Full PDB file with SEQRES, HELIX, SHEET, SSBOND, CRYST1, ORIGX, SCALE, CONECT and MASTER records, all heavy atoms in Angstrom:
SEQRES   1 A   33  PHE GLN ILE TRP GLU PRO LEU SER LEU LEU THR ILE THR          
SEQRES   2 A   33  ASN ASN VAL GLY ASN ASN PHE TYR ARG MET ALA ILE GLU          
SEQRES   3 A   33  ILE GLN THR MET ARG THR THR                                  
SHEET    1 AA1 2 GLN A   2  ILE A   3  0                                        
SHEET    2 AA1 2 GLN A  28  THR A  29  1                                        
CRYST1    1.000    1.000    1.000  90.00  90.00  90.00 P 1           1          
ORIGX1      1.000000  0.000000  0.000000        0.00000                         
ORIGX2      0.000000  1.000000  0.000000        0.00000                         
ORIGX3      0.000000  0.000000  1.000000        0.00000                         
SCALE1      1.000000  0.000000  0.000000        0.00000                         
SCALE2      0.000000  1.000000  0.000000        0.00000                         
SCALE3      0.000000  0.000000  1.000000        0.00000                         
ATOM      1  N   PHE A   1      60.364 119.206  20.604  1.00  0.00           N  
ATOM      2  CA  PHE A   1      60.669 119.600  21.976  1.00  0.00           C  
ATOM      3  C   PHE A   1      59.746 118.848  22.931  1.00  0.00           C  
ATOM      4  O   PHE A   1      58.522 118.980  22.859  1.00  0.00           O  
ATOM      5  CB  PHE A   1      60.491 121.113  22.148  1.00  0.00           C  
ATOM      6  CG  PHE A   1      61.342 121.926  21.211  1.00  0.00           C  
ATOM      7  CD1 PHE A   1      60.816 122.402  20.010  1.00  0.00           C  
ATOM      8  CD2 PHE A   1      62.665 122.199  21.508  1.00  0.00           C  
ATOM      9  CE1 PHE A   1      61.593 123.144  19.137  1.00  0.00           C  
ATOM     10  CE2 PHE A   1      63.462 122.937  20.637  1.00  0.00           C  
ATOM     11  CZ  PHE A   1      62.914 123.412  19.446  1.00  0.00           C  
ATOM     12  N   GLN A   2      60.352 118.056  23.831  1.00  0.00           N  
ATOM     13  CA  GLN A   2      59.610 117.323  24.857  1.00  0.00           C  
ATOM     14  C   GLN A   2      59.672 118.090  26.172  1.00  0.00           C  
ATOM     15  O   GLN A   2      60.756 118.492  26.615  1.00  0.00           O  
ATOM     16  CB  GLN A   2      60.186 115.930  25.073  1.00  0.00           C  
ATOM     17  CG  GLN A   2      60.090 115.003  23.896  1.00  0.00           C  
ATOM     18  CD  GLN A   2      60.596 113.613  24.239  1.00  0.00           C  
ATOM     19  OE1 GLN A   2      60.673 113.217  25.402  1.00  0.00           O  
ATOM     20  NE2 GLN A   2      60.960 112.849  23.222  1.00  0.00           N  
ATOM     21  N   ILE A   3      58.510 118.259  26.810  1.00  0.00           N  
ATOM     22  CA  ILE A   3      58.425 119.031  28.047  1.00  0.00           C  
ATOM     23  C   ILE A   3      58.037 118.093  29.187  1.00  0.00           C  
ATOM     24  O   ILE A   3      56.918 117.566  29.221  1.00  0.00           O  
ATOM     25  CB  ILE A   3      57.387 120.168  27.912  1.00  0.00           C  
ATOM     26  CG1 ILE A   3      57.578 120.928  26.591  1.00  0.00           C  
ATOM     27  CG2 ILE A   3      57.462 121.095  29.114  1.00  0.00           C  
ATOM     28  CD1 ILE A   3      58.941 121.529  26.401  1.00  0.00           C  
ATOM     29  N   TRP A   4      58.977 117.889  30.124  1.00  0.00           N  
ATOM     30  CA  TRP A   4      58.768 117.008  31.274  1.00  0.00           C  
ATOM     31  C   TRP A   4      58.695 117.762  32.593  1.00  0.00           C  
ATOM     32  O   TRP A   4      58.281 117.200  33.607  1.00  0.00           O  
ATOM     33  CB  TRP A   4      59.897 115.975  31.364  1.00  0.00           C  
ATOM     34  CG  TRP A   4      59.960 115.016  30.219  1.00  0.00           C  
ATOM     35  CD1 TRP A   4      60.519 115.229  28.996  1.00  0.00           C  
ATOM     36  CD2 TRP A   4      59.448 113.684  30.180  1.00  0.00           C  
ATOM     37  NE1 TRP A   4      60.393 114.121  28.192  1.00  0.00           N  
ATOM     38  CE2 TRP A   4      59.748 113.151  28.896  1.00  0.00           C  
ATOM     39  CE3 TRP A   4      58.765 112.887  31.114  1.00  0.00           C  
ATOM     40  CZ2 TRP A   4      59.380 111.865  28.522  1.00  0.00           C  
ATOM     41  CZ3 TRP A   4      58.412 111.595  30.736  1.00  0.00           C  
ATOM     42  CH2 TRP A   4      58.719 111.096  29.459  1.00  0.00           C  
ATOM     43  N   GLU A   5      59.143 119.015  32.619  1.00  0.00           N  
ATOM     44  CA  GLU A   5      59.216 119.806  33.849  1.00  0.00           C  
ATOM     45  C   GLU A   5      58.661 121.213  33.595  1.00  0.00           C  
ATOM     46  O   GLU A   5      58.535 121.635  32.443  1.00  0.00           O  
ATOM     47  CB  GLU A   5      60.671 119.917  34.335  1.00  0.00           C  
ATOM     48  CG  GLU A   5      61.383 118.604  34.561  1.00  0.00           C  
ATOM     49  CD  GLU A   5      60.878 117.845  35.775  1.00  0.00           C  
ATOM     50  OE1 GLU A   5      60.097 118.422  36.568  1.00  0.00           O  
ATOM     51  OE2 GLU A   5      61.249 116.670  35.921  1.00  0.00           O  
ATOM     52  N   PRO A   6      58.333 121.986  34.640  1.00  0.00           N  
ATOM     53  CA  PRO A   6      57.924 123.374  34.436  1.00  0.00           C  
ATOM     54  C   PRO A   6      59.078 124.187  33.838  1.00  0.00           C  
ATOM     55  O   PRO A   6      60.172 124.235  34.402  1.00  0.00           O  
ATOM     56  CB  PRO A   6      57.579 123.850  35.852  1.00  0.00           C  
ATOM     57  CG  PRO A   6      57.386 122.624  36.663  1.00  0.00           C  
ATOM     58  CD  PRO A   6      58.277 121.584  36.071  1.00  0.00           C  
ATOM     59  N   LEU A   7      58.825 124.843  32.706  1.00  0.00           N  
ATOM     60  CA  LEU A   7      59.879 125.534  31.976  1.00  0.00           C  
ATOM     61  C   LEU A   7      59.354 126.850  31.424  1.00  0.00           C  
ATOM     62  O   LEU A   7      58.146 127.114  31.427  1.00  0.00           O  
ATOM     63  CB  LEU A   7      60.394 124.658  30.828  1.00  0.00           C  
ATOM     64  CG  LEU A   7      61.001 123.309  31.203  1.00  0.00           C  
ATOM     65  CD1 LEU A   7      61.146 122.438  29.969  1.00  0.00           C  
ATOM     66  CD2 LEU A   7      62.330 123.500  31.891  1.00  0.00           C  
ATOM     67  N   SER A   8      60.284 127.657  30.904  1.00  0.00           N  
ATOM     68  CA  SER A   8      59.882 128.930  30.323  1.00  0.00           C  
ATOM     69  C   SER A   8      60.866 129.338  29.231  1.00  0.00           C  
ATOM     70  O   SER A   8      62.028 128.939  29.244  1.00  0.00           O  
ATOM     71  CB  SER A   8      59.825 130.013  31.408  1.00  0.00           C  
ATOM     72  OG  SER A   8      59.353 131.230  30.885  1.00  0.00           O  
ATOM     73  N   LEU A   9      60.348 130.097  28.295  1.00  0.00           N  
ATOM     74  CA  LEU A   9      61.117 130.758  27.237  1.00  0.00           C  
ATOM     75  C   LEU A   9      61.584 129.782  26.149  1.00  0.00           C  
ATOM     76  O   LEU A   9      62.629 129.149  26.240  1.00  0.00           O  
ATOM     77  CB  LEU A   9      62.318 131.514  27.810  1.00  0.00           C  
ATOM     78  CG  LEU A   9      61.968 132.763  28.618  1.00  0.00           C  
ATOM     79  CD1 LEU A   9      63.233 133.343  29.270  1.00  0.00           C  
ATOM     80  CD2 LEU A   9      61.319 133.808  27.717  1.00  0.00           C  
ATOM     81  N   LEU A  10      60.777 129.718  25.107  1.00  0.00           N  
ATOM     82  CA  LEU A  10      61.118 128.988  23.891  1.00  0.00           C  
ATOM     83  C   LEU A  10      60.758 129.900  22.720  1.00  0.00           C  
ATOM     84  O   LEU A  10      59.589 130.247  22.521  1.00  0.00           O  
ATOM     85  CB  LEU A  10      60.350 127.675  23.801  1.00  0.00           C  
ATOM     86  CG  LEU A  10      60.567 126.828  22.543  1.00  0.00           C  
ATOM     87  CD1 LEU A  10      62.032 126.464  22.374  1.00  0.00           C  
ATOM     88  CD2 LEU A  10      59.708 125.565  22.600  1.00  0.00           C  
ATOM     89  N   THR A  11      61.768 130.300  21.964  1.00  0.00           N  
ATOM     90  CA  THR A  11      61.589 131.246  20.873  1.00  0.00           C  
ATOM     91  C   THR A  11      62.060 130.615  19.572  1.00  0.00           C  
ATOM     92  O   THR A  11      63.230 130.232  19.454  1.00  0.00           O  
ATOM     93  CB  THR A  11      62.377 132.543  21.142  1.00  0.00           C  
ATOM     94  OG1 THR A  11      61.960 133.099  22.387  1.00  0.00           O  
ATOM     95  CG2 THR A  11      62.144 133.549  20.033  1.00  0.00           C  
ATOM     96  N   ILE A  12      61.135 130.506  18.601  1.00  0.00           N  
ATOM     97  CA  ILE A  12      61.437 129.869  17.323  1.00  0.00           C  
ATOM     98  C   ILE A  12      61.025 130.851  16.232  1.00  0.00           C  
ATOM     99  O   ILE A  12      59.833 131.047  15.969  1.00  0.00           O  
ATOM    100  CB  ILE A  12      60.675 128.543  17.172  1.00  0.00           C  
ATOM    101  CG1 ILE A  12      60.971 127.613  18.361  1.00  0.00           C  
ATOM    102  CG2 ILE A  12      61.033 127.860  15.867  1.00  0.00           C  
ATOM    103  CD1 ILE A  12      60.106 126.371  18.392  1.00  0.00           C  
ATOM    104  N   THR A  13      62.001 131.500  15.602  1.00  0.00           N  
ATOM    105  CA  THR A  13      61.690 132.569  14.663  1.00  0.00           C  
ATOM    106  C   THR A  13      62.561 132.494  13.411  1.00  0.00           C  
ATOM    107  O   THR A  13      63.726 132.102  13.458  1.00  0.00           O  
ATOM    108  CB  THR A  13      61.903 133.955  15.307  1.00  0.00           C  
ATOM    109  OG1 THR A  13      63.281 134.091  15.694  1.00  0.00           O  
ATOM    110  CG2 THR A  13      61.026 134.133  16.535  1.00  0.00           C  
ATOM    111  N   ASN A  14      61.949 132.874  12.290  1.00  0.00           N  
ATOM    112  CA  ASN A  14      62.681 133.110  11.028  1.00  0.00           C  
ATOM    113  C   ASN A  14      63.463 131.896  10.536  1.00  0.00           C  
ATOM    114  O   ASN A  14      64.489 132.040   9.866  1.00  0.00           O  
ATOM    115  CB  ASN A  14      63.616 134.314  11.186  1.00  0.00           C  
ATOM    116  CG  ASN A  14      62.852 135.589  11.489  1.00  0.00           C  
ATOM    117  OD1 ASN A  14      62.018 136.032  10.715  1.00  0.00           O  
ATOM    118  ND2 ASN A  14      63.113 136.164  12.656  1.00  0.00           N  
ATOM    119  N   ASN A  15      62.974 130.713  10.840  1.00  0.00           N  
ATOM    120  CA  ASN A  15      63.546 129.507  10.258  1.00  0.00           C  
ATOM    121  C   ASN A  15      62.837 129.187   8.950  1.00  0.00           C  
ATOM    122  O   ASN A  15      61.672 129.546   8.747  1.00  0.00           O  
ATOM    123  CB  ASN A  15      63.404 128.343  11.238  1.00  0.00           C  
ATOM    124  CG  ASN A  15      64.084 128.618  12.560  1.00  0.00           C  
ATOM    125  OD1 ASN A  15      65.296 128.530  12.679  1.00  0.00           O  
ATOM    126  ND2 ASN A  15      63.291 128.976  13.577  1.00  0.00           N  
ATOM    127  N   VAL A  16      63.527 128.480   8.055  1.00  0.00           N  
ATOM    128  CA  VAL A  16      62.947 128.118   6.770  1.00  0.00           C  
ATOM    129  C   VAL A  16      63.221 126.643   6.507  1.00  0.00           C  
ATOM    130  O   VAL A  16      64.113 126.036   7.108  1.00  0.00           O  
ATOM    131  CB  VAL A  16      63.528 128.968   5.618  1.00  0.00           C  
ATOM    132  CG1 VAL A  16      63.249 130.454   5.842  1.00  0.00           C  
ATOM    133  CG2 VAL A  16      65.026 128.729   5.447  1.00  0.00           C  
ATOM    134  N   GLY A  17      62.450 126.078   5.593  1.00  0.00           N  
ATOM    135  CA  GLY A  17      62.722 124.691   5.233  1.00  0.00           C  
ATOM    136  C   GLY A  17      61.687 124.137   4.290  1.00  0.00           C  
ATOM    137  O   GLY A  17      60.625 124.721   4.063  1.00  0.00           O  
ATOM    138  N   ASN A  18      61.993 122.958   3.720  1.00  0.00           N  
ATOM    139  CA  ASN A  18      61.036 122.281   2.858  1.00  0.00           C  
ATOM    140  C   ASN A  18      61.322 120.800   2.794  1.00  0.00           C  
ATOM    141  O   ASN A  18      62.383 120.329   3.184  1.00  0.00           O  
ATOM    142  CB  ASN A  18      61.038 122.898   1.454  1.00  0.00           C  
ATOM    143  CG  ASN A  18      62.350 122.720   0.739  1.00  0.00           C  
ATOM    144  OD1 ASN A  18      62.637 121.646   0.221  1.00  0.00           O  
ATOM    145  ND2 ASN A  18      63.158 123.775   0.694  1.00  0.00           N  
ATOM    146  N   ASN A  19      60.303 120.075   2.335  1.00  0.00           N  
ATOM    147  CA  ASN A  19      60.386 118.631   2.121  1.00  0.00           C  
ATOM    148  C   ASN A  19      60.420 117.892   3.456  1.00  0.00           C  
ATOM    149  O   ASN A  19      61.466 117.368   3.881  1.00  0.00           O  
ATOM    150  CB  ASN A  19      61.603 118.270   1.258  1.00  0.00           C  
ATOM    151  CG  ASN A  19      61.415 116.932   0.565  1.00  0.00           C  
ATOM    152  OD1 ASN A  19      60.285 116.497   0.349  1.00  0.00           O  
ATOM    153  ND2 ASN A  19      62.509 116.290   0.202  1.00  0.00           N  
ATOM    154  N   PHE A  20      59.241 117.834   4.087  1.00  0.00           N  
ATOM    155  CA  PHE A  20      59.105 117.218   5.413  1.00  0.00           C  
ATOM    156  C   PHE A  20      58.254 115.959   5.337  1.00  0.00           C  
ATOM    157  O   PHE A  20      57.238 115.924   4.630  1.00  0.00           O  
ATOM    158  CB  PHE A  20      58.444 118.196   6.382  1.00  0.00           C  
ATOM    159  CG  PHE A  20      59.189 119.487   6.546  1.00  0.00           C  
ATOM    160  CD1 PHE A  20      58.662 120.676   6.067  1.00  0.00           C  
ATOM    161  CD2 PHE A  20      60.428 119.513   7.170  1.00  0.00           C  
ATOM    162  CE1 PHE A  20      59.345 121.865   6.221  1.00  0.00           C  
ATOM    163  CE2 PHE A  20      61.121 120.702   7.319  1.00  0.00           C  
ATOM    164  CZ  PHE A  20      60.580 121.879   6.845  1.00  0.00           C  
ATOM    165  N   TYR A  21      58.658 114.953   6.108  1.00  0.00           N  
ATOM    166  CA  TYR A  21      57.865 113.737   6.231  1.00  0.00           C  
ATOM    167  C   TYR A  21      56.819 113.877   7.321  1.00  0.00           C  
ATOM    168  O   TYR A  21      55.673 113.484   7.161  1.00  0.00           O  
ATOM    169  CB  TYR A  21      58.779 112.551   6.538  1.00  0.00           C  
ATOM    170  CG  TYR A  21      58.054 111.237   6.735  1.00  0.00           C  
ATOM    171  CD1 TYR A  21      57.772 110.427   5.641  1.00  0.00           C  
ATOM    172  CD2 TYR A  21      57.665 110.797   7.999  1.00  0.00           C  
ATOM    173  CE1 TYR A  21      57.108 109.216   5.804  1.00  0.00           C  
ATOM    174  CE2 TYR A  21      57.007 109.598   8.169  1.00  0.00           C  
ATOM    175  CZ  TYR A  21      56.727 108.810   7.075  1.00  0.00           C  
ATOM    176  OH  TYR A  21      56.068 107.616   7.238  1.00  0.00           O  
ATOM    177  N   ARG A  22      57.217 114.464   8.461  1.00  0.00           N  
ATOM    178  CA  ARG A  22      56.306 114.548   9.600  1.00  0.00           C  
ATOM    179  C   ARG A  22      56.050 116.026   9.911  1.00  0.00           C  
ATOM    180  O   ARG A  22      55.501 116.726   9.072  1.00  0.00           O  
ATOM    181  CB  ARG A  22      56.887 113.773  10.798  1.00  0.00           C  
ATOM    182  CG  ARG A  22      55.839 113.396  11.854  1.00  0.00           C  
ATOM    183  CD  ARG A  22      56.421 112.389  12.857  1.00  0.00           C  
ATOM    184  NE  ARG A  22      55.404 111.946  13.801  1.00  0.00           N  
ATOM    185  CZ  ARG A  22      55.131 112.546  14.958  1.00  0.00           C  
ATOM    186  NH1 ARG A  22      55.831 113.618  15.320  1.00  0.00           N  
ATOM    187  NH2 ARG A  22      54.194 112.082  15.761  1.00  0.00           N  
ATOM    188  N   MET A  23      56.421 116.506  11.076  1.00  0.00           N  
ATOM    189  CA  MET A  23      56.076 117.859  11.490  1.00  0.00           C  
ATOM    190  C   MET A  23      57.268 118.802  11.357  1.00  0.00           C  
ATOM    191  O   MET A  23      58.410 118.414  11.570  1.00  0.00           O  
ATOM    192  CB  MET A  23      55.610 117.864  12.945  1.00  0.00           C  
ATOM    193  CG  MET A  23      54.434 116.945  13.217  1.00  0.00           C  
ATOM    194  SD  MET A  23      53.884 117.062  14.924  1.00  0.00           S  
ATOM    195  CE  MET A  23      52.750 115.665  15.000  1.00  0.00           C  
ATOM    196  N   ALA A  24      56.973 120.064  11.059  1.00  0.00           N  
ATOM    197  CA  ALA A  24      58.025 121.068  11.081  1.00  0.00           C  
ATOM    198  C   ALA A  24      58.415 121.395  12.524  1.00  0.00           C  
ATOM    199  O   ALA A  24      59.600 121.420  12.866  1.00  0.00           O  
ATOM    200  CB  ALA A  24      57.582 122.318  10.342  1.00  0.00           C  
ATOM    201  N   ILE A  25      57.420 121.660  13.383  1.00  0.00           N  
ATOM    202  CA  ILE A  25      57.682 121.944  14.791  1.00  0.00           C  
ATOM    203  C   ILE A  25      56.673 121.183  15.635  1.00  0.00           C  
ATOM    204  O   ILE A  25      55.461 121.287  15.412  1.00  0.00           O  
ATOM    205  CB  ILE A  25      57.575 123.444  15.108  1.00  0.00           C  
ATOM    206  CG1 ILE A  25      58.573 124.256  14.277  1.00  0.00           C  
ATOM    207  CG2 ILE A  25      57.797 123.702  16.596  1.00  0.00           C  
ATOM    208  CD1 ILE A  25      58.377 125.762  14.397  1.00  0.00           C  
ATOM    209  N   GLU A  26      57.162 120.440  16.620  1.00  0.00           N  
ATOM    210  CA  GLU A  26      56.300 119.757  17.580  1.00  0.00           C  
ATOM    211  C   GLU A  26      56.755 120.111  18.988  1.00  0.00           C  
ATOM    212  O   GLU A  26      57.920 119.917  19.339  1.00  0.00           O  
ATOM    213  CB  GLU A  26      56.340 118.237  17.375  1.00  0.00           C  
ATOM    214  CG  GLU A  26      55.424 117.491  18.330  1.00  0.00           C  
ATOM    215  CD  GLU A  26      55.399 115.986  18.083  1.00  0.00           C  
ATOM    216  OE1 GLU A  26      56.192 115.496  17.252  1.00  0.00           O  
ATOM    217  OE2 GLU A  26      54.572 115.309  18.723  1.00  0.00           O  
ATOM    218  N   ILE A  27      55.828 120.631  19.796  1.00  0.00           N  
ATOM    219  CA  ILE A  27      56.082 120.921  21.204  1.00  0.00           C  
ATOM    220  C   ILE A  27      55.063 120.122  22.007  1.00  0.00           C  
ATOM    221  O   ILE A  27      53.860 120.332  21.864  1.00  0.00           O  
ATOM    222  CB  ILE A  27      55.961 122.425  21.510  1.00  0.00           C  
ATOM    223  CG1 ILE A  27      56.848 123.249  20.574  1.00  0.00           C  
ATOM    224  CG2 ILE A  27      56.328 122.698  22.964  1.00  0.00           C  
ATOM    225  CD1 ILE A  27      56.603 124.743  20.682  1.00  0.00           C  
ATOM    226  N   GLN A  28      55.546 119.221  22.845  1.00  0.00           N  
ATOM    227  CA  GLN A  28      54.660 118.231  23.461  1.00  0.00           C  
ATOM    228  C   GLN A  28      54.924 118.107  24.952  1.00  0.00           C  
ATOM    229  O   GLN A  28      56.048 117.854  25.384  1.00  0.00           O  
ATOM    230  CB  GLN A  28      54.881 116.863  22.797  1.00  0.00           C  
ATOM    231  CG  GLN A  28      54.047 115.738  23.351  1.00  0.00           C  
ATOM    232  CD  GLN A  28      52.616 115.784  22.837  1.00  0.00           C  
ATOM    233  OE1 GLN A  28      52.382 116.010  21.666  1.00  0.00           O  
ATOM    234  NE2 GLN A  28      51.664 115.562  23.710  1.00  0.00           N  
ATOM    235  N   THR A  29      53.876 118.310  25.758  1.00  0.00           N  
ATOM    236  CA  THR A  29      53.962 117.998  27.184  1.00  0.00           C  
ATOM    237  C   THR A  29      53.897 116.487  27.362  1.00  0.00           C  
ATOM    238  O   THR A  29      52.989 115.834  26.851  1.00  0.00           O  
ATOM    239  CB  THR A  29      52.814 118.668  27.960  1.00  0.00           C  
ATOM    240  OG1 THR A  29      52.955 120.082  27.832  1.00  0.00           O  
ATOM    241  CG2 THR A  29      52.872 118.302  29.425  1.00  0.00           C  
ATOM    242  N   MET A  30      54.850 115.931  28.117  1.00  0.00           N  
ATOM    243  CA  MET A  30      54.959 114.484  28.229  1.00  0.00           C  
ATOM    244  C   MET A  30      54.276 113.910  29.468  1.00  0.00           C  
ATOM    245  O   MET A  30      54.060 112.712  29.550  1.00  0.00           O  
ATOM    246  CB  MET A  30      56.439 114.081  28.224  1.00  0.00           C  
ATOM    247  CG  MET A  30      57.226 114.620  27.039  1.00  0.00           C  
ATOM    248  SD  MET A  30      56.503 114.195  25.421  1.00  0.00           S  
ATOM    249  CE  MET A  30      56.717 112.418  25.428  1.00  0.00           C  
ATOM    250  N   ARG A  31      53.969 114.769  30.458  1.00  0.00           N  
ATOM    251  CA  ARG A  31      53.269 114.302  31.645  1.00  0.00           C  
ATOM    252  C   ARG A  31      52.609 115.504  32.317  1.00  0.00           C  
ATOM    253  O   ARG A  31      52.880 116.653  31.967  1.00  0.00           O  
ATOM    254  CB  ARG A  31      54.214 113.592  32.614  1.00  0.00           C  
ATOM    255  CG  ARG A  31      55.393 114.442  33.089  1.00  0.00           C  
ATOM    256  CD  ARG A  31      56.346 113.633  33.940  1.00  0.00           C  
ATOM    257  NE  ARG A  31      57.513 114.417  34.350  1.00  0.00           N  
ATOM    258  CZ  ARG A  31      58.525 113.917  35.058  1.00  0.00           C  
ATOM    259  NH1 ARG A  31      58.509 112.646  35.425  1.00  0.00           N  
ATOM    260  NH2 ARG A  31      59.555 114.687  35.388  1.00  0.00           N  
ATOM    261  N   THR A  32      51.762 115.244  33.290  1.00  0.00           N  
ATOM    262  CA  THR A  32      51.001 116.304  33.936  1.00  0.00           C  
ATOM    263  C   THR A  32      51.779 116.962  35.062  1.00  0.00           C  
ATOM    264  O   THR A  32      51.753 118.192  35.223  1.00  0.00           O  
ATOM    265  CB  THR A  32      49.677 115.748  34.480  1.00  0.00           C  
ATOM    266  OG1 THR A  32      48.941 115.168  33.396  1.00  0.00           O  
ATOM    267  CG2 THR A  32      48.843 116.843  35.114  1.00  0.00           C  
ATOM    268  N   THR A  33      52.516 116.172  35.844  1.00  0.00           N  
ATOM    269  CA  THR A  33      53.216 116.668  37.028  1.00  0.00           C  
ATOM    270  C   THR A  33      54.704 116.377  36.909  1.00  0.00           C  
ATOM    271  O   THR A  33      55.109 115.283  36.512  1.00  0.00           O  
ATOM    272  CB  THR A  33      52.665 116.004  38.299  1.00  0.00           C  
ATOM    273  OG1 THR A  33      51.257 116.231  38.358  1.00  0.00           O  
ATOM    274  CG2 THR A  33      53.307 116.598  39.543  1.00  0.00           C  
TER     275      THR A  33                                                      
MASTER        0    0    0    0    2    0    0    6  274    1    0    3          
END                                                                             
């Protein structure tokens, strides 16, 4: 999830998985303003 603007409400629950190369969940602010 890339965050470029002021936002609200992100709910990530009860997911499952296996065999990952990189990240399971990434939440990243892309800029300051």
